[in-house]
Amino acid sequence: MVTIIPLKMALQYVRDYIYVMDLADGHATALQKLFTKEDIGCFAYILGTGRGTSVLEMVNAFEKVSRKDSHL
């Protein structure tokens, strides 16, 4: 099922964006633990900065560094 939401509403959503290399390091660390410990159990880890950024804030940041208007 696909839910269509208005663009204005979507721009308000807040996400915790993470640098791709930090994500890769997190995966590598998890694999290292998997192959070096005998009984690792089952744990869930959340990788993030702890600071949410709205989609609109992200668009504004891209506009600022690219010096281009996104026309939103």
PDB file of N, CA and C in Angstrom:
ATOM      1  N   MET A   1       0.833  -1.179   0.000  1.00  0.00           N
ATOM      2  CA  MET A   1       0.000   0.000   0.000  1.00  0.00           C
ATOM      3  C   MET A   1       0.882   1.249   0.000  1.00  0.00           C
ATOM      4  N   VAL A   2       0.579   2.178  -0.853  1.00  0.00           N
ATOM      5  CA  VAL A   2       1.325   3.426  -0.957  1.00  0.00           C
ATOM      6  C   VAL A   2       0.469   4.552  -0.417  1.00  0.00           C
ATOM      7  N   THR A   3       1.071   5.352   0.447  1.00  0.00           N
ATOM      8  CA  THR A   3       0.374   6.508   0.983  1.00  0.00           C
ATOM      9  C   THR A   3       0.987   7.760   0.393  1.00  0.00           C
ATOM     10  N   ILE A   4       0.185   8.574  -0.220  1.00  0.00           N
ATOM     11  CA  ILE A   4       0.663   9.824  -0.810  1.00  0.00           C
ATOM     12  C   ILE A   4       0.391  10.945   0.192  1.00  0.00           C
ATOM     13  N   ILE A   5       1.448  11.693   0.508  1.00  0.00           N
ATOM     14  CA  ILE A   5       1.300  12.806   1.437  1.00  0.00           C
ATOM     15  C   ILE A   5       1.676  14.097   0.734  1.00  0.00           C
ATOM     16  N   PRO A   6       1.075  15.199   1.146  1.00  0.00           N
ATOM     17  CA  PRO A   6       1.420  16.487   0.531  1.00  0.00           C
ATOM     18  C   PRO A   6       2.884  16.840   0.792  1.00  0.00           C
ATOM     19  N   LEU A   7       3.527  17.478  -0.185  1.00  0.00           N
ATOM     20  CA  LEU A   7       4.932  17.845  -0.072  1.00  0.00           C
ATOM     21  C   LEU A   7       5.185  18.708   1.157  1.00  0.00           C
ATOM     22  N   LYS A   8       4.305  19.656   1.421  1.00  0.00           N
ATOM     23  CA  LYS A   8       4.490  20.553   2.565  1.00  0.00           C
ATOM     24  C   LYS A   8       4.575  19.762   3.871  1.00  0.00           C
ATOM     25  N   MET A   9       3.773  18.714   3.968  1.00  0.00           N
ATOM     26  CA  MET A   9       3.787  17.873   5.157  1.00  0.00           C
ATOM     27  C   MET A   9       5.070  17.039   5.217  1.00  0.00           C
ATOM     28  N   ALA A  10       5.499  16.516   4.076  1.00  0.00           N
ATOM     29  CA  ALA A  10       6.696  15.680   4.020  1.00  0.00           C
ATOM     30  C   ALA A  10       7.940  16.456   4.420  1.00  0.00           C
ATOM     31  N   LEU A  11       7.983  17.731   4.129  1.00  0.00           N
ATOM     32  CA  LEU A  11       9.153  18.548   4.452  1.00  0.00           C
ATOM     33  C   LEU A  11       9.331  18.729   5.953  1.00  0.00           C
ATOM     34  N   GLN A  12       8.293  18.450   6.722  1.00  0.00           N
ATOM     35  CA  GLN A  12       8.354  18.609   8.178  1.00  0.00           C
ATOM     36  C   GLN A  12       8.888  17.362   8.876  1.00  0.00           C
ATOM     37  N   TYR A  13       8.932  16.234   8.187  1.00  0.00           N
ATOM     38  CA  TYR A  13       9.399  14.991   8.811  1.00  0.00           C
ATOM     39  C   TYR A  13      10.841  15.146   9.274  1.00  0.00           C
ATOM     40  N   VAL A  14      11.125  14.586  10.438  1.00  0.00           N
ATOM     41  CA  VAL A  14      12.460  14.686  11.015  1.00  0.00           C
ATOM     42  C   VAL A  14      13.124  13.314  10.960  1.00  0.00           C
ATOM     43  N   ARG A  15      14.359  13.310  10.491  1.00  0.00           N
ATOM     44  CA  ARG A  15      15.141  12.083  10.394  1.00  0.00           C
ATOM     45  C   ARG A  15      16.503  12.312  11.035  1.00  0.00           C
ATOM     46  N   ASP A  16      17.141  11.233  11.423  1.00  0.00           N
ATOM     47  CA  ASP A  16      18.497  11.308  11.963  1.00  0.00           C
ATOM     48  C   ASP A  16      19.437  10.857  10.847  1.00  0.00           C
ATOM     49  N   TYR A  17      19.937  11.809  10.090  1.00  0.00           N
ATOM     50  CA  TYR A  17      20.828  11.491   8.972  1.00  0.00           C
ATOM     51  C   TYR A  17      22.206  11.129   9.513  1.00  0.00           C
ATOM     52  N   ILE A  18      22.861  10.195   8.863  1.00  0.00           N
ATOM     53  CA  ILE A  18      24.160   9.706   9.310  1.00  0.00           C
ATOM     54  C   ILE A  18      25.096   9.628   8.103  1.00  0.00           C
ATOM     55  N   TYR A  19      26.343   9.931   8.332  1.00  0.00           N
ATOM     56  CA  TYR A  19      27.354   9.880   7.287  1.00  0.00           C
ATOM     57  C   TYR A  19      27.560   8.425   6.871  1.00  0.00           C
ATOM     58  N   VAL A  20      27.639   8.166   5.587  1.00  0.00           N
ATOM     59  CA  VAL A  20      27.696   6.800   5.069  1.00  0.00           C
ATOM     60  C   VAL A  20      28.917   6.038   5.578  1.00  0.00           C
ATOM     61  N   MET A  21      30.027   6.715   5.797  1.00  0.00           N
ATOM     62  CA  MET A  21      31.219   6.033   6.295  1.00  0.00           C
ATOM     63  C   MET A  21      31.030   5.606   7.753  1.00  0.00           C
ATOM     64  N   ASP A  22      30.280   6.385   8.536  1.00  0.00           N
ATOM     65  CA  ASP A  22      29.978   5.984   9.910  1.00  0.00           C
ATOM     66  C   ASP A  22      29.092   4.742   9.909  1.00  0.00           C
ATOM     67  N   LEU A  23      28.166   4.669   8.967  1.00  0.00           N
ATOM     68  CA  LEU A  23      27.323   3.480   8.834  1.00  0.00           C
ATOM     69  C   LEU A  23      28.170   2.259   8.473  1.00  0.00           C
ATOM     70  N   ALA A  24      29.102   2.437   7.548  1.00  0.00           N
ATOM     71  CA  ALA A  24      29.991   1.343   7.149  1.00  0.00           C
ATOM     72  C   ALA A  24      30.841   0.886   8.336  1.00  0.00           C
ATOM     73  N   ASP A  25      31.359   1.830   9.120  1.00  0.00           N
ATOM     74  CA  ASP A  25      32.147   1.479  10.305  1.00  0.00           C
ATOM     75  C   ASP A  25      31.306   0.698  11.309  1.00  0.00           C
ATOM     76  N   GLY A  26      30.048   1.088  11.469  1.00  0.00           N
ATOM     77  CA  GLY A  26      29.148   0.378  12.374  1.00  0.00           C
ATOM     78  C   GLY A  26      28.933  -1.057  11.933  1.00  0.00           C
ATOM     79  N   HIS A  27      28.753  -1.260  10.644  1.00  0.00           N
ATOM     80  CA  HIS A  27      28.583  -2.617  10.112  1.00  0.00           C
ATOM     81  C   HIS A  27      29.867  -3.436  10.291  1.00  0.00           C
ATOM     82  N   ALA A  28      31.005  -2.823  10.030  1.00  0.00           N
ATOM     83  CA  ALA A  28      32.286  -3.529  10.178  1.00  0.00           C
ATOM     84  C   ALA A  28      32.510  -3.936  11.636  1.00  0.00           C
ATOM     85  N   THR A  29      32.166  -3.055  12.564  1.00  0.00           N
ATOM     86  CA  THR A  29      32.308  -3.356  13.987  1.00  0.00           C
ATOM     87  C   THR A  29      31.397  -4.510  14.395  1.00  0.00           C
ATOM     88  N   ALA A  30      30.168  -4.502  13.883  1.00  0.00           N
ATOM     89  CA  ALA A  30      29.232  -5.589  14.190  1.00  0.00           C
ATOM     90  C   ALA A  30      29.750  -6.918  13.646  1.00  0.00           C
ATOM     91  N   LEU A  31      30.286  -6.915  12.442  1.00  0.00           N
ATOM     92  CA  LEU A  31      30.838  -8.145  11.862  1.00  0.00           C
ATOM     93  C   LEU A  31      32.054  -8.633  12.640  1.00  0.00           C
ATOM     94  N   GLN A  32      32.880  -7.692  13.083  1.00  0.00           N
ATOM     95  CA  GLN A  32      34.056  -8.038  13.870  1.00  0.00           C
ATOM     96  C   GLN A  32      33.624  -8.759  15.158  1.00  0.00           C
ATOM     97  N   LYS A  33      32.611  -8.226  15.811  1.00  0.00           N
ATOM     98  CA  LYS A  33      32.103  -8.839  17.034  1.00  0.00           C
ATOM     99  C   LYS A  33      31.539 -10.224  16.733  1.00  0.00           C
ATOM    100  N   LEU A  34      30.834 -10.343  15.627  1.00  0.00           N
ATOM    101  CA  LEU A  34      30.232 -11.614  15.238  1.00  0.00           C
ATOM    102  C   LEU A  34      31.282 -12.708  15.069  1.00  0.00           C
ATOM    103  N   PHE A  35      32.426 -12.358  14.503  1.00  0.00           N
ATOM    104  CA  PHE A  35      33.447 -13.360  14.217  1.00  0.00           C
ATOM    105  C   PHE A  35      34.504 -13.519  15.304  1.00  0.00           C
ATOM    106  N   THR A  36      34.466 -12.696  16.350  1.00  0.00           N
ATOM    107  CA  THR A  36      35.492 -12.805  17.397  1.00  0.00           C
ATOM    108  C   THR A  36      34.933 -13.264  18.731  1.00  0.00           C
ATOM    109  N   LYS A  37      33.635 -13.270  18.914  1.00  0.00           N
ATOM    110  CA  LYS A  37      33.017 -13.690  20.174  1.00  0.00           C
ATOM    111  C   LYS A  37      32.287 -15.004  19.958  1.00  0.00           C
ATOM    112  N   GLU A  38      32.354 -15.885  20.942  1.00  0.00           N
ATOM    113  CA  GLU A  38      31.678 -17.175  20.803  1.00  0.00           C
ATOM    114  C   GLU A  38      30.178 -17.057  21.005  1.00  0.00           C
ATOM    115  N   ASP A  39      29.761 -16.343  22.033  1.00  0.00           N
ATOM    116  CA  ASP A  39      28.333 -16.226  22.332  1.00  0.00           C
ATOM    117  C   ASP A  39      27.965 -14.744  22.360  1.00  0.00           C
ATOM    118  N   ILE A  40      27.561 -14.211  21.223  1.00  0.00           N
ATOM    119  CA  ILE A  40      27.274 -12.780  21.170  1.00  0.00           C
ATOM    120  C   ILE A  40      25.837 -12.458  21.523  1.00  0.00           C
ATOM    121  N   GLY A  41      24.961 -13.454  21.561  1.00  0.00           N
ATOM    122  CA  GLY A  41      23.560 -13.182  21.865  1.00  0.00           C
ATOM    123  C   GLY A  41      22.903 -12.436  20.712  1.00  0.00           C
ATOM    124  N   CYS A  42      21.863 -11.740  21.031  1.00  0.00           N
ATOM    125  CA  CYS A  42      21.134 -10.995  20.010  1.00  0.00           C
ATOM    126  C   CYS A  42      20.866  -9.584  20.528  1.00  0.00           C
ATOM    127  N   PHE A  43      21.493  -8.622  19.943  1.00  0.00           N
ATOM    128  CA  PHE A  43      21.349  -7.236  20.353  1.00  0.00           C
ATOM    129  C   PHE A  43      20.997  -6.372  19.156  1.00  0.00           C
ATOM    130  N   ALA A  44      20.246  -5.336  19.403  1.00  0.00           N
ATOM    131  CA  ALA A  44      19.936  -4.347  18.365  1.00  0.00           C
ATOM    132  C   ALA A  44      20.690  -3.073  18.693  1.00  0.00           C
ATOM    133  N   TYR A  45      21.317  -2.499  17.703  1.00  0.00           N
ATOM    134  CA  TYR A  45      22.045  -1.246  17.869  1.00  0.00           C
ATOM    135  C   TYR A  45      21.456  -0.220  16.920  1.00  0.00           C
ATOM    136  N   ILE A  46      21.368   0.993  17.384  1.00  0.00           N
ATOM    137  CA  ILE A  46      20.878   2.084  16.553  1.00  0.00           C
ATOM    138  C   ILE A  46      22.058   3.019  16.286  1.00  0.00           C
ATOM    139  N   LEU A  47      22.346   3.224  15.027  1.00  0.00           N
ATOM    140  CA  LEU A  47      23.416   4.144  14.645  1.00  0.00           C
ATOM    141  C   LEU A  47      22.787   5.481  14.286  1.00  0.00           C
ATOM    142  N   GLY A  48      23.262   6.528  14.895  1.00  0.00           N
ATOM    143  CA  GLY A  48      22.717   7.845  14.593  1.00  0.00           C
ATOM    144  C   GLY A  48      23.470   8.925  15.336  1.00  0.00           C
ATOM    145  N   THR A  49      23.105  10.137  15.058  1.00  0.00           N
ATOM    146  CA  THR A  49      23.755  11.276  15.703  1.00  0.00           C
ATOM    147  C   THR A  49      23.035  11.706  16.969  1.00  0.00           C
ATOM    148  N   GLY A  50      21.767  11.313  17.083  1.00  0.00           N
ATOM    149  CA  GLY A  50      20.972  11.744  18.226  1.00  0.00           C
ATOM    150  C   GLY A  50      20.336  13.105  18.009  1.00  0.00           C
ATOM    151  N   ARG A  51      20.560  13.687  16.832  1.00  0.00           N
ATOM    152  CA  ARG A  51      19.971  14.990  16.511  1.00  0.00           C
ATOM    153  C   ARG A  51      19.179  14.854  15.222  1.00  0.00           C
ATOM    154  N   GLY A  52      17.904  15.071  15.315  1.00  0.00           N
ATOM    155  CA  GLY A  52      17.058  14.982  14.128  1.00  0.00           C
ATOM    156  C   GLY A  52      17.144  16.232  13.272  1.00  0.00           C
ATOM    157  N   THR A  53      16.976  16.056  11.987  1.00  0.00           N
ATOM    158  CA  THR A  53      16.966  17.157  11.024  1.00  0.00           C
ATOM    159  C   THR A  53      15.753  16.975  10.134  1.00  0.00           C
ATOM    160  N   SER A  54      14.995  18.041   9.955  1.00  0.00           N
ATOM    161  CA  SER A  54      13.821  17.933   9.089  1.00  0.00           C
ATOM    162  C   SER A  54      14.267  17.873   7.632  1.00  0.00           C
ATOM    163  N   VAL A  55      13.406  17.337   6.817  1.00  0.00           N
ATOM    164  CA  VAL A  55      13.701  17.269   5.384  1.00  0.00           C
ATOM    165  C   VAL A  55      13.910  18.683   4.845  1.00  0.00           C
ATOM    166  N   LEU A  56      13.101  19.626   5.306  1.00  0.00           N
ATOM    167  CA  LEU A  56      13.243  21.019   4.856  1.00  0.00           C
ATOM    168  C   LEU A  56      14.594  21.603   5.274  1.00  0.00           C
ATOM    169  N   GLU A  57      15.043  21.306   6.487  1.00  0.00           N
ATOM    170  CA  GLU A  57      16.368  21.780   6.910  1.00  0.00           C
ATOM    171  C   GLU A  57      17.458  21.205   6.006  1.00  0.00           C
ATOM    172  N   MET A  58      17.308  19.950   5.627  1.00  0.00           N
ATOM    173  CA  MET A  58      18.290  19.310   4.748  1.00  0.00           C
ATOM    174  C   MET A  58      18.271  19.961   3.363  1.00  0.00           C
ATOM    175  N   VAL A  59      17.076  20.212   2.838  1.00  0.00           N
ATOM    176  CA  VAL A  59      16.950  20.878   1.532  1.00  0.00           C
ATOM    177  C   VAL A  59      17.597  22.262   1.599  1.00  0.00           C
ATOM    178  N   ASN A  60      17.339  23.006   2.673  1.00  0.00           N
ATOM    179  CA  ASN A  60      17.929  24.341   2.827  1.00  0.00           C
ATOM    180  C   ASN A  60      19.452  24.272   2.881  1.00  0.00           C
ATOM    181  N   ALA A  61      19.988  23.263   3.544  1.00  0.00           N
ATOM    182  CA  ALA A  61      21.446  23.099   3.617  1.00  0.00           C
ATOM    183  C   ALA A  61      22.032  22.810   2.233  1.00  0.00           C
ATOM    184  N   PHE A  62      21.361  21.944   1.468  1.00  0.00           N
ATOM    185  CA  PHE A  62      21.825  21.663   0.101  1.00  0.00           C
ATOM    186  C   PHE A  62      21.769  22.916  -0.763  1.00  0.00           C
ATOM    187  N   GLU A  63      20.696  23.698  -0.619  1.00  0.00           N
ATOM    188  CA  GLU A  63      20.585  24.942  -1.391  1.00  0.00           C
ATOM    189  C   GLU A  63      21.718  25.893  -1.047  1.00  0.00           C
ATOM    190  N   LYS A  64      22.049  25.972   0.232  1.00  0.00           N
ATOM    191  CA  LYS A  64      23.088  26.893   0.679  1.00  0.00           C
ATOM    192  C   LYS A  64      24.452  26.525   0.094  1.00  0.00           C
ATOM    193  N   VAL A  65      24.822  25.246   0.171  1.00  0.00           N
ATOM    194  CA  VAL A  65      26.148  24.858  -0.317  1.00  0.00           C
ATOM    195  C   VAL A  65      26.223  24.791  -1.834  1.00  0.00           C
ATOM    196  N   SER A  66      25.104  24.504  -2.483  1.00  0.00           N
ATOM    197  CA  SER A  66      25.120  24.420  -3.948  1.00  0.00           C
ATOM    198  C   SER A  66      24.828  25.768  -4.610  1.00  0.00           C
ATOM    199  N   ARG A  67      24.354  26.716  -3.802  1.00  0.00           N
ATOM    200  CA  ARG A  67      23.964  28.043  -4.303  1.00  0.00           C
ATOM    201  C   ARG A  67      22.904  27.951  -5.387  1.00  0.00           C
ATOM    202  N   LYS A  68      22.030  26.950  -5.245  1.00  0.00           N
ATOM    203  CA  LYS A  68      20.922  26.759  -6.205  1.00  0.00           C
ATOM    204  C   LYS A  68      19.629  26.667  -5.429  1.00  0.00           C
ATOM    205  N   ASP A  69      18.563  27.175  -6.044  1.00  0.00           N
ATOM    206  CA  ASP A  69      17.244  27.130  -5.433  1.00  0.00           C
ATOM    207  C   ASP A  69      16.526  25.843  -5.864  1.00  0.00           C
ATOM    208  N   SER A  70      15.934  25.161  -4.899  1.00  0.00           N
ATOM    209  CA  SER A  70      15.241  23.922  -5.207  1.00  0.00           C
ATOM    210  C   SER A  70      13.815  24.175  -5.681  1.00  0.00           C
ATOM    211  N   HIS A  71      13.353  25.412  -5.576  1.00  0.00           N
ATOM    212  CA  HIS A  71      12.019  25.809  -6.020  1.00  0.00           C
ATOM    213  C   HIS A  71      10.903  25.078  -5.259  1.00  0.00           C
ATOM    214  N   LEU A  72      11.118  24.822  -3.978  1.00  0.00           N
ATOM    215  CA  LEU A  72      10.066  24.182  -3.173  1.00  0.00           C
ATOM    216  C   LEU A  72       9.177  25.216  -2.528  1.00  0.00           C
TER     217      LEU A  72
END
